[in-house]
Amino acid sequence: MSEQMTREQALAIVRDCYSTDQPQAAAVSLTGYSRSWVAAEYRALKARGISRVAGQLELFDPAP
């Protein structure tokens, strides 16, 4: 990656990785941020009660 991504972009990627049950290593690789930062964000999402499979469930939502 040629330039540093913004924190907001990194948070969006971490949220996507978390909600589709991807490992933290995937988020670290995609964002370029440290493992400790990604782990802290995963813990924060868990503490907020965000489902690890919420993104996967959206794929199969029968509602129009």
N, C-alpha and C. Protein backbone atom coordinates (compact mmCIF):
# COMPACT_ATOMS: atom_id res chain seq x y z
N MET A 1 0.86 -1.18 0.00
CA MET A 1 0.00 0.00 0.00
C MET A 1 0.89 1.23 0.00
N SER A 2 0.66 2.11 -0.93
CA SER A 2 1.57 3.23 -1.12
C SER A 2 1.36 4.34 -0.09
N GLU A 3 0.16 4.46 0.45
CA GLU A 3 -0.06 5.50 1.45
C GLU A 3 -0.84 4.93 2.63
N GLN A 4 -0.67 5.57 3.76
CA GLN A 4 -1.34 5.12 4.98
C GLN A 4 -2.84 5.35 4.86
N MET A 5 -3.61 4.31 5.15
CA MET A 5 -5.06 4.48 5.10
C MET A 5 -5.51 5.22 6.36
N THR A 6 -6.64 5.87 6.26
CA THR A 6 -7.15 6.61 7.41
C THR A 6 -7.68 5.64 8.46
N ARG A 7 -7.79 6.13 9.66
CA ARG A 7 -8.30 5.31 10.75
C ARG A 7 -9.73 4.85 10.45
N GLU A 8 -10.53 5.72 9.84
CA GLU A 8 -11.91 5.37 9.51
C GLU A 8 -11.96 4.22 8.50
N GLN A 9 -11.07 4.27 7.50
CA GLN A 9 -11.01 3.19 6.52
C GLN A 9 -10.60 1.87 7.19
N ALA A 10 -9.61 1.96 8.07
CA ALA A 10 -9.14 0.77 8.78
C ALA A 10 -10.24 0.21 9.67
N LEU A 11 -10.99 1.08 10.35
CA LEU A 11 -12.09 0.62 11.19
C LEU A 11 -13.16 -0.09 10.37
N ALA A 12 -13.45 0.43 9.19
CA ALA A 12 -14.45 -0.20 8.33
C ALA A 12 -13.99 -1.60 7.91
N ILE A 13 -12.72 -1.74 7.58
CA ILE A 13 -12.19 -3.04 7.19
C ILE A 13 -12.22 -3.99 8.38
N VAL A 14 -11.84 -3.51 9.56
CA VAL A 14 -11.86 -4.36 10.75
C VAL A 14 -13.29 -4.80 11.06
N ARG A 15 -14.25 -3.88 10.95
CA ARG A 15 -15.66 -4.25 11.18
C ARG A 15 -16.12 -5.31 10.19
N ASP A 16 -15.74 -5.14 8.93
CA ASP A 16 -16.11 -6.14 7.91
C ASP A 16 -15.48 -7.49 8.21
N CYS A 17 -14.21 -7.49 8.55
CA CYS A 17 -13.52 -8.74 8.87
C CYS A 17 -14.16 -9.41 10.09
N TYR A 18 -14.44 -8.62 11.10
CA TYR A 18 -15.05 -9.16 12.33
C TYR A 18 -16.43 -9.73 12.05
N SER A 19 -17.25 -8.98 11.32
CA SER A 19 -18.64 -9.39 11.13
C SER A 19 -18.79 -10.54 10.13
N THR A 20 -17.72 -10.87 9.42
CA THR A 20 -17.76 -12.03 8.53
C THR A 20 -16.89 -13.16 9.07
N ASP A 21 -16.53 -13.05 10.34
CA ASP A 21 -15.80 -14.10 11.08
C ASP A 21 -14.42 -14.39 10.49
N GLN A 22 -13.75 -13.35 10.00
CA GLN A 22 -12.39 -13.50 9.50
C GLN A 22 -11.41 -13.40 10.67
N PRO A 23 -10.28 -14.06 10.58
CA PRO A 23 -9.29 -13.96 11.66
C PRO A 23 -8.68 -12.55 11.73
N GLN A 24 -8.17 -12.22 12.89
CA GLN A 24 -7.55 -10.91 13.07
C GLN A 24 -6.38 -10.71 12.12
N ALA A 25 -5.69 -11.79 11.78
CA ALA A 25 -4.55 -11.69 10.86
C ALA A 25 -4.98 -11.14 9.50
N ALA A 26 -6.19 -11.46 9.07
CA ALA A 26 -6.69 -10.93 7.80
C ALA A 26 -6.84 -9.42 7.89
N ALA A 27 -7.39 -8.93 9.00
CA ALA A 27 -7.56 -7.49 9.18
C ALA A 27 -6.21 -6.79 9.27
N VAL A 28 -5.25 -7.41 9.93
CA VAL A 28 -3.91 -6.83 10.03
C VAL A 28 -3.29 -6.72 8.63
N SER A 29 -3.44 -7.77 7.85
CA SER A 29 -2.88 -7.79 6.50
C SER A 29 -3.53 -6.74 5.60
N LEU A 30 -4.84 -6.61 5.70
CA LEU A 30 -5.56 -5.67 4.84
C LEU A 30 -5.34 -4.21 5.22
N THR A 31 -5.21 -3.95 6.52
CA THR A 31 -5.08 -2.56 6.97
C THR A 31 -3.64 -2.08 7.10
N GLY A 32 -2.74 -3.00 7.43
CA GLY A 32 -1.37 -2.60 7.69
C GLY A 32 -1.17 -2.07 9.10
N TYR A 33 -2.24 -2.10 9.89
CA TYR A 33 -2.15 -1.65 11.28
C TYR A 33 -1.61 -2.78 12.15
N SER A 34 -1.21 -2.47 13.35
CA SER A 34 -0.58 -3.45 14.23
C SER A 34 -1.59 -4.49 14.73
N ARG A 35 -1.06 -5.65 15.09
CA ARG A 35 -1.91 -6.71 15.64
C ARG A 35 -2.60 -6.27 16.91
N SER A 36 -1.90 -5.49 17.73
CA SER A 36 -2.51 -5.05 19.00
C SER A 36 -3.66 -4.09 18.75
N TRP A 37 -3.54 -3.23 17.74
CA TRP A 37 -4.63 -2.30 17.43
C TRP A 37 -5.85 -3.06 16.93
N VAL A 38 -5.63 -4.01 16.02
CA VAL A 38 -6.73 -4.82 15.48
C VAL A 38 -7.38 -5.63 16.62
N ALA A 39 -6.57 -6.21 17.48
CA ALA A 39 -7.12 -6.99 18.60
C ALA A 39 -7.97 -6.12 19.51
N ALA A 40 -7.53 -4.90 19.75
CA ALA A 40 -8.31 -3.98 20.59
C ALA A 40 -9.64 -3.65 19.93
N GLU A 41 -9.64 -3.47 18.62
CA GLU A 41 -10.88 -3.17 17.91
C GLU A 41 -11.81 -4.39 17.91
N TYR A 42 -11.27 -5.58 17.75
CA TYR A 42 -12.08 -6.80 17.83
C TYR A 42 -12.72 -6.91 19.22
N ARG A 43 -11.94 -6.62 20.27
CA ARG A 43 -12.49 -6.66 21.64
C ARG A 43 -13.59 -5.63 21.81
N ALA A 44 -13.40 -4.44 21.25
CA ALA A 44 -14.42 -3.39 21.36
C ALA A 44 -15.71 -3.81 20.65
N LEU A 45 -15.59 -4.42 19.50
CA LEU A 45 -16.77 -4.88 18.77
C LEU A 45 -17.49 -5.98 19.56
N LYS A 46 -16.71 -6.88 20.13
CA LYS A 46 -17.30 -7.94 20.95
C LYS A 46 -18.02 -7.35 22.16
N ALA A 47 -17.40 -6.37 22.80
CA ALA A 47 -18.00 -5.73 23.98
C ALA A 47 -19.30 -5.01 23.62
N ARG A 48 -19.39 -4.50 22.39
CA ARG A 48 -20.62 -3.82 21.94
C ARG A 48 -21.70 -4.82 21.54
N GLY A 49 -21.37 -6.11 21.54
CA GLY A 49 -22.36 -7.13 21.23
C GLY A 49 -22.56 -7.37 19.75
N ILE A 50 -21.58 -6.98 18.94
CA ILE A 50 -21.66 -7.19 17.49
C ILE A 50 -21.41 -8.68 17.22
N SER A 51 -22.25 -9.27 16.39
CA SER A 51 -22.13 -10.69 16.07
C SER A 51 -20.96 -10.94 15.13
N ARG A 52 -20.24 -12.03 15.36
CA ARG A 52 -19.13 -12.41 14.49
C ARG A 52 -19.62 -12.90 13.13
N VAL A 53 -20.92 -13.19 13.01
CA VAL A 53 -21.44 -13.69 11.74
C VAL A 53 -22.52 -12.76 11.17
N ALA A 54 -22.61 -11.55 11.68
CA ALA A 54 -23.65 -10.61 11.22
C ALA A 54 -23.55 -10.36 9.73
N GLY A 55 -22.36 -10.22 9.21
CA GLY A 55 -22.18 -9.98 7.78
C GLY A 55 -22.58 -11.17 6.94
N GLN A 56 -22.34 -12.36 7.46
CA GLN A 56 -22.73 -13.57 6.74
C GLN A 56 -24.25 -13.71 6.72
N LEU A 57 -24.91 -13.34 7.81
CA LEU A 57 -26.35 -13.47 7.89
C LEU A 57 -27.05 -12.55 6.89
N GLU A 58 -26.45 -11.40 6.62
CA GLU A 58 -27.03 -10.46 5.65
C GLU A 58 -27.12 -11.08 4.26
N LEU A 59 -26.22 -11.97 3.94
CA LEU A 59 -26.22 -12.62 2.63
C LEU A 59 -27.45 -13.51 2.44
N PHE A 60 -27.96 -14.03 3.55
CA PHE A 60 -29.06 -14.98 3.47
C PHE A 60 -30.37 -14.43 4.02
N ASP A 61 -30.45 -13.13 4.18
CA ASP A 61 -31.65 -12.50 4.70
C ASP A 61 -32.79 -12.64 3.69
N PRO A 62 -33.90 -13.31 4.07
CA PRO A 62 -34.97 -13.51 3.11
C PRO A 62 -35.82 -12.26 2.86
N ALA A 63 -35.66 -11.25 3.69
CA ALA A 63 -36.46 -10.01 3.52
C ALA A 63 -36.02 -9.30 2.25
N PRO A 64 -36.99 -8.72 1.52
CA PRO A 64 -36.64 -8.01 0.27
C PRO A 64 -35.90 -6.71 0.52
